[in-house]
Amino acid sequence: EVQLVQSGDELRTPGASVKISCETSGYTFTDYYIDWVRHDPGQGLEWMGQIDPEDGSTKYAQKFQGRVTFTADASTRTAYVHLNSLKPEDTAVYYCNVEDIYTRRFWGRGTQVTVSS
């Protein structure tokens, strides 16, 4: 069974950075891209980008380029998203997810990031 376990909720001040983890199990880590999206009630669901754990190649949505970094550690089967220069509008729930060969998508539970002074 594919499972994605995300790290806990975070509170940050503007200008700070945050790193969220997504520990995977139940499949071969390098088989599936890992996507990151965020949900803000005002903006809806935003796709941030993805990482290929096999070679570490990444693709970023234009909106997040330069502020977001995806990494993946095959030894711990864990993916990370690092977001810097946080703004209040980055307040959202952040999700990792993967799609298997049957086009089933599996999601982490979400990590609430709150940016407030």
C-alpha atoms as a PDB file:
ATOM      1  CA  GLU A   1       0.000   0.000   0.000  1.00  0.00           C
ATOM      2  CA  VAL A   2       1.386   3.351  -1.025  1.00  0.00           C
ATOM      3  CA  GLN A   3       1.672   5.760   1.883  1.00  0.00           C
ATOM      4  CA  LEU A   4       2.980   9.298   2.101  1.00  0.00           C
ATOM      5  CA  VAL A   5       3.639  10.697   5.560  1.00  0.00           C
ATOM      6  CA  GLN A   6       4.293  14.412   5.825  1.00  0.00           C
ATOM      7  CA  SER A   7       5.944  16.390   8.562  1.00  0.00           C
ATOM      8  CA  GLY A   8       3.979  18.462  11.035  1.00  0.00           C
ATOM      9  CA  ASP A   9       2.431  21.890  10.722  1.00  0.00           C
ATOM     10  CA  GLU A  10       4.710  24.918  10.705  1.00  0.00           C
ATOM     11  CA  LEU A  11       4.464  28.544  11.823  1.00  0.00           C
ATOM     12  CA  ARG A  12       6.897  31.026  10.334  1.00  0.00           C
ATOM     13  CA  THR A  13       7.417  34.779  10.222  1.00  0.00           C
ATOM     14  CA  PRO A  14       7.685  36.640   6.913  1.00  0.00           C
ATOM     15  CA  GLY A  15      11.101  36.285   5.293  1.00  0.00           C
ATOM     16  CA  ALA A  16      11.818  32.956   6.945  1.00  0.00           C
ATOM     17  CA  SER A  17      12.034  29.584   5.205  1.00  0.00           C
ATOM     18  CA  VAL A  18      10.372  26.225   5.744  1.00  0.00           C
ATOM     19  CA  LYS A  19      11.228  22.656   4.793  1.00  0.00           C
ATOM     20  CA  ILE A  20       8.529  20.008   4.607  1.00  0.00           C
ATOM     21  CA  SER A  21       9.230  16.299   4.355  1.00  0.00           C
ATOM     22  CA  CYS A  22       7.251  13.531   2.688  1.00  0.00           C
ATOM     23  CA  GLU A  23       8.266  10.017   3.709  1.00  0.00           C
ATOM     24  CA  THR A  24       7.062   7.344   1.312  1.00  0.00           C
ATOM     25  CA  SER A  25       6.456   3.612   1.545  1.00  0.00           C
ATOM     26  CA  GLY A  26       4.721   0.819  -0.316  1.00  0.00           C
ATOM     27  CA  TYR A  27       6.388   1.226  -3.688  1.00  0.00           C
ATOM     28  CA  THR A  28       9.786   1.555  -5.312  1.00  0.00           C
ATOM     29  CA  PHE A  29      10.797   5.108  -4.480  1.00  0.00           C
ATOM     30  CA  THR A  30      12.391   5.827  -7.834  1.00  0.00           C
ATOM     31  CA  ASP A  31       9.426   4.588  -9.874  1.00  0.00           C
ATOM     32  CA  TYR A  32       7.155   7.618  -9.543  1.00  0.00           C
ATOM     33  CA  TYR A  33       7.556  11.356  -9.777  1.00  0.00           C
ATOM     34  CA  ILE A  34       6.623  13.194  -6.613  1.00  0.00           C
ATOM     35  CA  ASP A  35       4.451  16.245  -7.091  1.00  0.00           C
ATOM     36  CA  TRP A  36       3.978  19.085  -4.673  1.00  0.00           C
ATOM     37  CA  VAL A  37       0.837  21.178  -4.578  1.00  0.00           C
ATOM     38  CA  ARG A  38      -0.614  23.638  -2.127  1.00  0.00           C
ATOM     39  CA  HIS A  39      -4.134  24.599  -1.230  1.00  0.00           C
ATOM     40  CA  ASP A  40      -5.159  28.022  -0.134  1.00  0.00           C
ATOM     41  CA  PRO A  41      -8.891  28.710   0.198  1.00  0.00           C
ATOM     42  CA  GLY A  42      -8.423  31.966  -1.665  1.00  0.00           C
ATOM     43  CA  GLN A  43      -6.290  30.604  -4.536  1.00  0.00           C
ATOM     44  CA  GLY A  44      -7.505  27.031  -4.753  1.00  0.00           C
ATOM     45  CA  LEU A  45      -5.144  24.187  -5.546  1.00  0.00           C
ATOM     46  CA  GLU A  46      -1.789  25.228  -7.006  1.00  0.00           C
ATOM     47  CA  TRP A  47       0.692  22.852  -8.582  1.00  0.00           C
ATOM     48  CA  MET A  48       4.164  23.804  -7.417  1.00  0.00           C
ATOM     49  CA  GLY A  49       6.191  21.297  -9.397  1.00  0.00           C
ATOM     50  CA  GLN A  50       7.671  17.828  -9.257  1.00  0.00           C
ATOM     51  CA  ILE A  51      10.824  15.827  -8.738  1.00  0.00           C
ATOM     52  CA  ASP A  52      11.992  12.611 -10.342  1.00  0.00           C
ATOM     53  CA  PRO A  53      13.551  10.677  -7.455  1.00  0.00           C
ATOM     54  CA  GLU A  54      15.469   8.510  -9.898  1.00  0.00           C
ATOM     55  CA  ASP A  55      17.802  11.274 -11.017  1.00  0.00           C
ATOM     56  CA  GLY A  56      16.766  14.284  -8.934  1.00  0.00           C
ATOM     57  CA  SER A  57      15.586  16.255 -11.942  1.00  0.00           C
ATOM     58  CA  THR A  58      12.980  18.852 -11.100  1.00  0.00           C
ATOM     59  CA  LYS A  59      10.309  20.922 -12.730  1.00  0.00           C
ATOM     60  CA  TYR A  60       8.959  24.045 -11.071  1.00  0.00           C
ATOM     61  CA  ALA A  61       5.851  26.070 -11.756  1.00  0.00           C
ATOM     62  CA  GLN A  62       6.928  29.489 -12.944  1.00  0.00           C
ATOM     63  CA  LYS A  63       5.341  31.174  -9.954  1.00  0.00           C
ATOM     64  CA  PHE A  64       7.663  29.341  -7.569  1.00  0.00           C
ATOM     65  CA  GLN A  65      10.910  29.318  -9.527  1.00  0.00           C
ATOM     66  CA  GLY A  66      13.743  30.760  -7.516  1.00  0.00           C
ATOM     67  CA  ARG A  67      11.997  30.332  -4.176  1.00  0.00           C
ATOM     68  CA  VAL A  68      11.319  26.627  -4.051  1.00  0.00           C
ATOM     69  CA  THR A  69      13.675  23.659  -4.056  1.00  0.00           C
ATOM     70  CA  PHE A  70      12.677  20.003  -4.273  1.00  0.00           C
ATOM     71  CA  THR A  71      15.002  17.265  -3.117  1.00  0.00           C
ATOM     72  CA  ALA A  72      14.687  13.514  -2.718  1.00  0.00           C
ATOM     73  CA  ASP A  73      16.704  11.134  -0.570  1.00  0.00           C
ATOM     74  CA  ALA A  74      16.468   7.564  -1.818  1.00  0.00           C
ATOM     75  CA  SER A  75      18.204   6.192   1.273  1.00  0.00           C
ATOM     76  CA  THR A  76      15.301   7.363   3.462  1.00  0.00           C
ATOM     77  CA  ARG A  77      12.626   7.296   0.745  1.00  0.00           C
ATOM     78  CA  THR A  78      11.851  10.890   1.614  1.00  0.00           C
ATOM     79  CA  ALA A  79      11.141  13.919  -0.524  1.00  0.00           C
ATOM     80  CA  TYR A  80      11.450  17.490   0.653  1.00  0.00           C
ATOM     81  CA  VAL A  81      10.216  20.878  -0.394  1.00  0.00           C
ATOM     82  CA  HIS A  82      12.091  23.947   0.794  1.00  0.00           C
ATOM     83  CA  LEU A  83      10.395  27.290   0.400  1.00  0.00           C
ATOM     84  CA  ASN A  84      12.281  30.470   1.273  1.00  0.00           C
ATOM     85  CA  SER A  85      11.490  34.173   1.578  1.00  0.00           C
ATOM     86  CA  LEU A  86       8.080  33.312   2.956  1.00  0.00           C
ATOM     87  CA  LYS A  87       5.228  35.777   2.620  1.00  0.00           C
ATOM     88  CA  PRO A  88       1.848  35.789   4.336  1.00  0.00           C
ATOM     89  CA  GLU A  89       0.301  34.686   1.037  1.00  0.00           C
ATOM     90  CA  ASP A  90       2.311  31.460   1.268  1.00  0.00           C
ATOM     91  CA  THR A  91       0.005  30.434   4.085  1.00  0.00           C
ATOM     92  CA  ALA A  92      -1.560  27.229   2.785  1.00  0.00           C
ATOM     93  CA  VAL A  93      -1.718  23.481   3.194  1.00  0.00           C
ATOM     94  CA  TYR A  94       1.104  21.800   1.302  1.00  0.00           C
ATOM     95  CA  TYR A  95       0.729  18.280  -0.113  1.00  0.00           C
ATOM     96  CA  CYS A  96       2.987  15.735  -1.696  1.00  0.00           C
ATOM     97  CA  ASN A  97       1.477  13.165  -4.014  1.00  0.00           C
ATOM     98  CA  VAL A  98       2.413  10.441  -6.473  1.00  0.00           C
ATOM     99  CA  GLU A  99       0.611   8.829  -9.369  1.00  0.00           C
ATOM    100  CA  ASP A 100       1.149   5.140 -10.031  1.00  0.00           C
ATOM    101  CA  ILE A 101       1.084   3.296 -13.335  1.00  0.00           C
ATOM    102  CA  TYR A 102      -2.663   2.780 -12.977  1.00  0.00           C
ATOM    103  CA  THR A 103      -3.136   6.560 -12.681  1.00  0.00           C
ATOM    104  CA  ARG A 104      -4.156   6.248  -9.066  1.00  0.00           C
ATOM    105  CA  ARG A 105      -2.968   9.236  -7.096  1.00  0.00           C
ATOM    106  CA  PHE A 106      -1.855   8.964  -3.505  1.00  0.00           C
ATOM    107  CA  TRP A 107      -1.602  11.957  -1.202  1.00  0.00           C
ATOM    108  CA  GLY A 108       0.057  12.906   2.023  1.00  0.00           C
ATOM    109  CA  ARG A 109      -2.197  14.297   4.740  1.00  0.00           C
ATOM    110  CA  GLY A 110      -1.017  17.840   4.134  1.00  0.00           C
ATOM    111  CA  THR A 111       1.164  20.214   6.126  1.00  0.00           C
ATOM    112  CA  GLN A 112      -0.284  23.523   7.231  1.00  0.00           C
ATOM    113  CA  VAL A 113       2.218  26.358   6.833  1.00  0.00           C
ATOM    114  CA  THR A 114       1.197  29.624   8.432  1.00  0.00           C
ATOM    115  CA  VAL A 115       3.219  32.754   7.739  1.00  0.00           C
ATOM    116  CA  SER A 116       2.435  35.562  10.137  1.00  0.00           C
ATOM    117  CA  SER A 117       4.236  38.279  12.003  1.00  0.00           C
END
